[in-house]
Amino acid sequence: MHYPKEVSTFCPRCKKHTVHEVEKGKKRKASELSWGQRRFRRAQRGYGGFPRPKPEGRAKAVRRVYLKYRCQQCKHTLQPASFRASQLDLRETKG
């Protein structure tokens, strides 16, 4: 799927439509202090092994895409609702 690198959309801080830069959202490092990670580490301890069965089959072909829009005037960043796409290419718009 092709997506433009710049989009004109509403900025809640400027309170008008402005040009926004588009970038892909990146996954941050998982926190070791989160409850799920603490539970996982506790289950991993000792001789027990992996706490859940290995997933069978293949991974999904279509991944969820997270985008970030950054206003070029006030630099405010907003994240619209995610959507699914097998591949996302950010491209320059002609014109």
N, C-alpha and C. Protein backbone atom coordinates (compact mmCIF):
# COMPACT_ATOMS: atom_id res chain seq x y z
N MET A 1 0.85 -1.18 0.00
CA MET A 1 0.00 0.00 0.00
C MET A 1 0.89 1.23 0.00
N HIS A 2 0.58 2.18 -0.85
CA HIS A 2 1.33 3.44 -0.90
C HIS A 2 0.60 4.49 -0.08
N TYR A 3 1.38 5.27 0.68
CA TYR A 3 0.80 6.29 1.54
C TYR A 3 1.66 7.54 1.40
N PRO A 4 1.07 8.74 1.34
CA PRO A 4 1.88 9.96 1.17
C PRO A 4 2.68 10.30 2.43
N LYS A 5 3.84 10.93 2.23
CA LYS A 5 4.68 11.35 3.36
C LYS A 5 4.14 12.59 4.05
N GLU A 6 3.33 13.35 3.33
CA GLU A 6 2.71 14.56 3.90
C GLU A 6 1.21 14.52 3.65
N VAL A 7 0.44 14.83 4.70
CA VAL A 7 -1.02 14.78 4.62
C VAL A 7 -1.56 16.08 5.20
N SER A 8 -2.58 16.62 4.57
CA SER A 8 -3.25 17.79 5.12
C SER A 8 -4.42 17.31 5.96
N THR A 9 -4.36 17.56 7.26
CA THR A 9 -5.42 17.11 8.16
C THR A 9 -5.56 18.10 9.31
N PHE A 10 -6.58 17.90 10.13
CA PHE A 10 -6.90 18.85 11.19
C PHE A 10 -5.92 18.70 12.35
N CYS A 11 -5.38 19.83 12.82
CA CYS A 11 -4.51 19.85 13.98
C CYS A 11 -5.30 20.39 15.16
N PRO A 12 -5.47 19.62 16.25
CA PRO A 12 -6.26 20.09 17.38
C PRO A 12 -5.62 21.25 18.14
N ARG A 13 -4.31 21.39 18.05
CA ARG A 13 -3.66 22.50 18.75
C ARG A 13 -3.76 23.80 17.94
N CYS A 14 -3.54 23.72 16.63
CA CYS A 14 -3.68 24.91 15.77
C CYS A 14 -5.16 25.24 15.50
N LYS A 15 -6.02 24.26 15.67
CA LYS A 15 -7.46 24.37 15.42
C LYS A 15 -7.79 24.72 13.96
N LYS A 16 -7.00 24.15 13.04
CA LYS A 16 -7.26 24.31 11.62
C LYS A 16 -6.53 23.19 10.86
N HIS A 17 -6.84 23.05 9.58
CA HIS A 17 -6.16 22.06 8.76
C HIS A 17 -4.76 22.56 8.41
N THR A 18 -3.77 21.73 8.66
CA THR A 18 -2.39 22.05 8.32
C THR A 18 -1.75 20.82 7.69
N VAL A 19 -0.55 21.00 7.15
CA VAL A 19 0.20 19.89 6.56
C VAL A 19 0.91 19.14 7.69
N HIS A 20 0.77 17.82 7.68
CA HIS A 20 1.39 16.96 8.69
C HIS A 20 2.39 16.02 8.02
N GLU A 21 3.53 15.80 8.66
CA GLU A 21 4.48 14.79 8.22
C GLU A 21 3.99 13.44 8.75
N VAL A 22 4.12 12.40 7.93
CA VAL A 22 3.67 11.07 8.31
C VAL A 22 4.89 10.19 8.55
N GLU A 23 4.89 9.46 9.66
CA GLU A 23 5.95 8.48 9.89
C GLU A 23 5.35 7.23 10.52
N LYS A 24 6.03 6.10 10.32
CA LYS A 24 5.55 4.85 10.89
C LYS A 24 5.85 4.82 12.38
N GLY A 25 4.90 4.29 13.15
CA GLY A 25 5.13 4.12 14.57
C GLY A 25 6.03 2.92 14.81
N LYS A 26 7.01 3.08 15.68
CA LYS A 26 7.96 2.01 15.94
C LYS A 26 7.70 1.41 17.31
N LYS A 27 7.98 0.13 17.44
CA LYS A 27 7.74 -0.56 18.70
C LYS A 27 8.85 -0.20 19.68
N ARG A 28 8.44 0.21 20.88
CA ARG A 28 9.45 0.56 21.88
C ARG A 28 9.86 -0.69 22.65
N LYS A 29 10.94 -0.59 23.39
CA LYS A 29 11.44 -1.72 24.16
C LYS A 29 10.44 -2.05 25.26
N ALA A 30 10.14 -3.33 25.44
CA ALA A 30 9.18 -3.75 26.45
C ALA A 30 9.74 -3.50 27.84
N SER A 31 8.90 -3.00 28.73
CA SER A 31 9.33 -2.71 30.09
C SER A 31 9.42 -4.00 30.89
N GLU A 32 10.50 -4.16 31.63
CA GLU A 32 10.66 -5.34 32.48
C GLU A 32 9.78 -5.26 33.73
N LEU A 33 9.24 -4.08 34.02
CA LEU A 33 8.44 -3.90 35.23
C LEU A 33 6.94 -4.07 35.00
N SER A 34 6.52 -4.29 33.75
CA SER A 34 5.09 -4.44 33.48
C SER A 34 4.60 -5.77 34.07
N TRP A 35 3.31 -5.83 34.38
CA TRP A 35 2.76 -6.99 35.07
C TRP A 35 2.90 -8.26 34.23
N GLY A 36 2.63 -8.18 32.95
CA GLY A 36 2.74 -9.37 32.10
C GLY A 36 4.17 -9.89 32.03
N GLN A 37 5.13 -8.99 31.99
CA GLN A 37 6.54 -9.40 31.92
C GLN A 37 7.00 -10.01 33.25
N ARG A 38 6.52 -9.46 34.36
CA ARG A 38 6.87 -10.02 35.67
C ARG A 38 6.29 -11.44 35.82
N ARG A 39 5.04 -11.63 35.35
CA ARG A 39 4.42 -12.95 35.41
C ARG A 39 5.18 -13.93 34.52
N PHE A 40 5.60 -13.46 33.33
CA PHE A 40 6.35 -14.31 32.39
C PHE A 40 7.69 -14.72 32.99
N ARG A 41 8.40 -13.79 33.61
CA ARG A 41 9.71 -14.09 34.21
C ARG A 41 9.57 -15.08 35.37
N ARG A 42 8.49 -14.94 36.16
CA ARG A 42 8.25 -15.85 37.27
C ARG A 42 7.99 -17.27 36.75
N ALA A 43 7.24 -17.39 35.63
CA ALA A 43 6.95 -18.70 35.06
C ALA A 43 8.20 -19.31 34.42
N GLN A 44 9.10 -18.48 33.92
CA GLN A 44 10.32 -18.95 33.28
C GLN A 44 11.33 -19.48 34.30
N ARG A 45 11.21 -19.05 35.55
CA ARG A 45 12.17 -19.40 36.57
C ARG A 45 12.15 -20.90 36.86
N GLY A 46 13.29 -21.49 37.19
CA GLY A 46 13.33 -22.89 37.60
C GLY A 46 13.39 -23.85 36.42
N TYR A 47 12.79 -25.02 36.58
CA TYR A 47 12.88 -26.09 35.60
C TYR A 47 11.65 -26.19 34.72
N GLY A 48 10.67 -25.31 34.88
CA GLY A 48 9.38 -25.48 34.21
C GLY A 48 9.40 -25.35 32.70
N GLY A 49 10.20 -24.45 32.18
CA GLY A 49 10.23 -24.25 30.74
C GLY A 49 9.28 -23.14 30.33
N PHE A 50 8.93 -23.13 29.05
CA PHE A 50 8.12 -22.04 28.51
C PHE A 50 6.70 -22.15 29.04
N PRO A 51 6.08 -21.02 29.48
CA PRO A 51 4.80 -21.09 30.17
C PRO A 51 3.58 -21.33 29.28
N ARG A 52 3.73 -21.29 27.99
CA ARG A 52 2.57 -21.51 27.11
C ARG A 52 3.03 -22.29 25.88
N PRO A 53 2.12 -22.97 25.19
CA PRO A 53 2.54 -23.77 24.03
C PRO A 53 3.04 -22.89 22.88
N LYS A 54 3.93 -23.46 22.09
CA LYS A 54 4.44 -22.74 20.93
C LYS A 54 3.32 -22.58 19.91
N PRO A 55 3.20 -21.40 19.28
CA PRO A 55 2.14 -21.23 18.28
C PRO A 55 2.41 -22.07 17.03
N GLU A 56 1.36 -22.72 16.55
CA GLU A 56 1.52 -23.53 15.36
C GLU A 56 1.06 -22.74 14.14
N GLY A 57 1.50 -23.18 12.98
CA GLY A 57 1.13 -22.49 11.75
C GLY A 57 2.06 -21.33 11.48
N ARG A 58 1.64 -20.44 10.63
CA ARG A 58 2.51 -19.33 10.24
C ARG A 58 1.98 -18.02 10.82
N ALA A 59 2.81 -17.00 10.74
CA ALA A 59 2.40 -15.69 11.22
C ALA A 59 1.39 -15.08 10.25
N LYS A 60 0.64 -14.11 10.74
CA LYS A 60 -0.34 -13.45 9.88
C LYS A 60 0.39 -12.69 8.77
N ALA A 61 -0.19 -12.72 7.57
CA ALA A 61 0.42 -12.03 6.44
C ALA A 61 0.16 -10.54 6.51
N VAL A 62 -0.92 -10.16 7.17
CA VAL A 62 -1.30 -8.75 7.23
C VAL A 62 -1.04 -8.22 8.64
N ARG A 63 -0.25 -7.17 8.74
CA ARG A 63 0.13 -6.61 10.03
C ARG A 63 -0.62 -5.31 10.28
N ARG A 64 -0.73 -4.97 11.55
CA ARG A 64 -1.38 -3.71 11.93
C ARG A 64 -0.37 -2.58 11.79
N VAL A 65 -0.78 -1.48 11.15
CA VAL A 65 0.11 -0.34 10.88
C VAL A 65 -0.29 0.82 11.77
N TYR A 66 0.71 1.37 12.47
CA TYR A 66 0.49 2.54 13.32
C TYR A 66 1.22 3.71 12.67
N LEU A 67 0.52 4.81 12.46
CA LEU A 67 1.13 6.00 11.87
C LEU A 67 1.15 7.13 12.88
N LYS A 68 2.09 8.06 12.69
CA LYS A 68 2.14 9.27 13.51
C LYS A 68 2.11 10.47 12.57
N TYR A 69 1.24 11.41 12.88
CA TYR A 69 1.17 12.66 12.12
C TYR A 69 1.78 13.77 12.96
N ARG A 70 2.76 14.50 12.41
CA ARG A 70 3.37 15.62 13.12
C ARG A 70 3.07 16.91 12.36
N CYS A 71 2.41 17.85 13.03
CA CYS A 71 2.06 19.13 12.42
C CYS A 71 3.35 19.90 12.12
N GLN A 72 3.44 20.47 10.93
CA GLN A 72 4.66 21.19 10.56
C GLN A 72 4.71 22.59 11.16
N GLN A 73 3.56 23.11 11.61
CA GLN A 73 3.57 24.45 12.20
C GLN A 73 3.89 24.41 13.69
N CYS A 74 3.16 23.59 14.45
CA CYS A 74 3.35 23.60 15.91
C CYS A 74 4.08 22.35 16.42
N LYS A 75 4.42 21.40 15.53
CA LYS A 75 5.13 20.16 15.86
C LYS A 75 4.35 19.23 16.79
N HIS A 76 3.04 19.43 16.90
CA HIS A 76 2.20 18.55 17.72
C HIS A 76 2.02 17.22 17.00
N THR A 77 2.16 16.11 17.72
CA THR A 77 2.05 14.78 17.12
C THR A 77 0.74 14.13 17.54
N LEU A 78 0.04 13.54 16.57
CA LEU A 78 -1.17 12.80 16.89
C LEU A 78 -1.12 11.46 16.18
N GLN A 79 -1.78 10.48 16.79
CA GLN A 79 -1.76 9.12 16.26
C GLN A 79 -3.18 8.72 15.90
N PRO A 80 -3.49 8.62 14.60
CA PRO A 80 -4.83 8.20 14.20
C PRO A 80 -5.03 6.71 14.47
N ALA A 81 -6.23 6.23 14.25
CA ALA A 81 -6.53 4.81 14.46
C ALA A 81 -5.70 3.96 13.51
N SER A 82 -5.25 2.80 14.00
CA SER A 82 -4.42 1.92 13.19
C SER A 82 -5.29 1.17 12.18
N PHE A 83 -4.63 0.61 11.18
CA PHE A 83 -5.32 -0.20 10.18
C PHE A 83 -4.38 -1.33 9.75
N ARG A 84 -4.93 -2.29 9.03
CA ARG A 84 -4.12 -3.43 8.61
C ARG A 84 -3.66 -3.26 7.17
N ALA A 85 -2.39 -3.61 6.94
CA ALA A 85 -1.83 -3.59 5.60
C ALA A 85 -0.68 -4.58 5.55
N SER A 86 -0.54 -5.28 4.42
CA SER A 86 0.54 -6.25 4.32
C SER A 86 1.88 -5.54 4.16
N GLN A 87 1.88 -4.40 3.51
CA GLN A 87 3.11 -3.63 3.33
C GLN A 87 2.73 -2.17 3.19
N LEU A 88 3.53 -1.28 3.77
CA LEU A 88 3.23 0.15 3.70
C LEU A 88 4.47 0.89 3.23
N ASP A 89 4.33 1.64 2.14
CA ASP A 89 5.42 2.46 1.62
C ASP A 89 5.02 3.92 1.72
N LEU A 90 5.83 4.72 2.42
CA LEU A 90 5.60 6.16 2.48
C LEU A 90 6.28 6.78 1.27
N ARG A 91 5.52 7.50 0.46
CA ARG A 91 6.04 8.06 -0.79
C ARG A 91 5.82 9.55 -0.87
N GLU A 92 6.70 10.20 -1.60
CA GLU A 92 6.53 11.62 -1.90
C GLU A 92 5.36 11.79 -2.86
N THR A 93 4.56 12.82 -2.66
CA THR A 93 3.43 13.07 -3.57
C THR A 93 3.92 13.93 -4.72
N LYS A 94 3.38 13.64 -5.90
CA LYS A 94 3.75 14.43 -7.07
C LYS A 94 2.88 15.67 -7.14
N GLY A 95 3.49 16.76 -7.59
CA GLY A 95 2.66 17.94 -7.77
C GLY A 95 3.19 19.06 -7.09
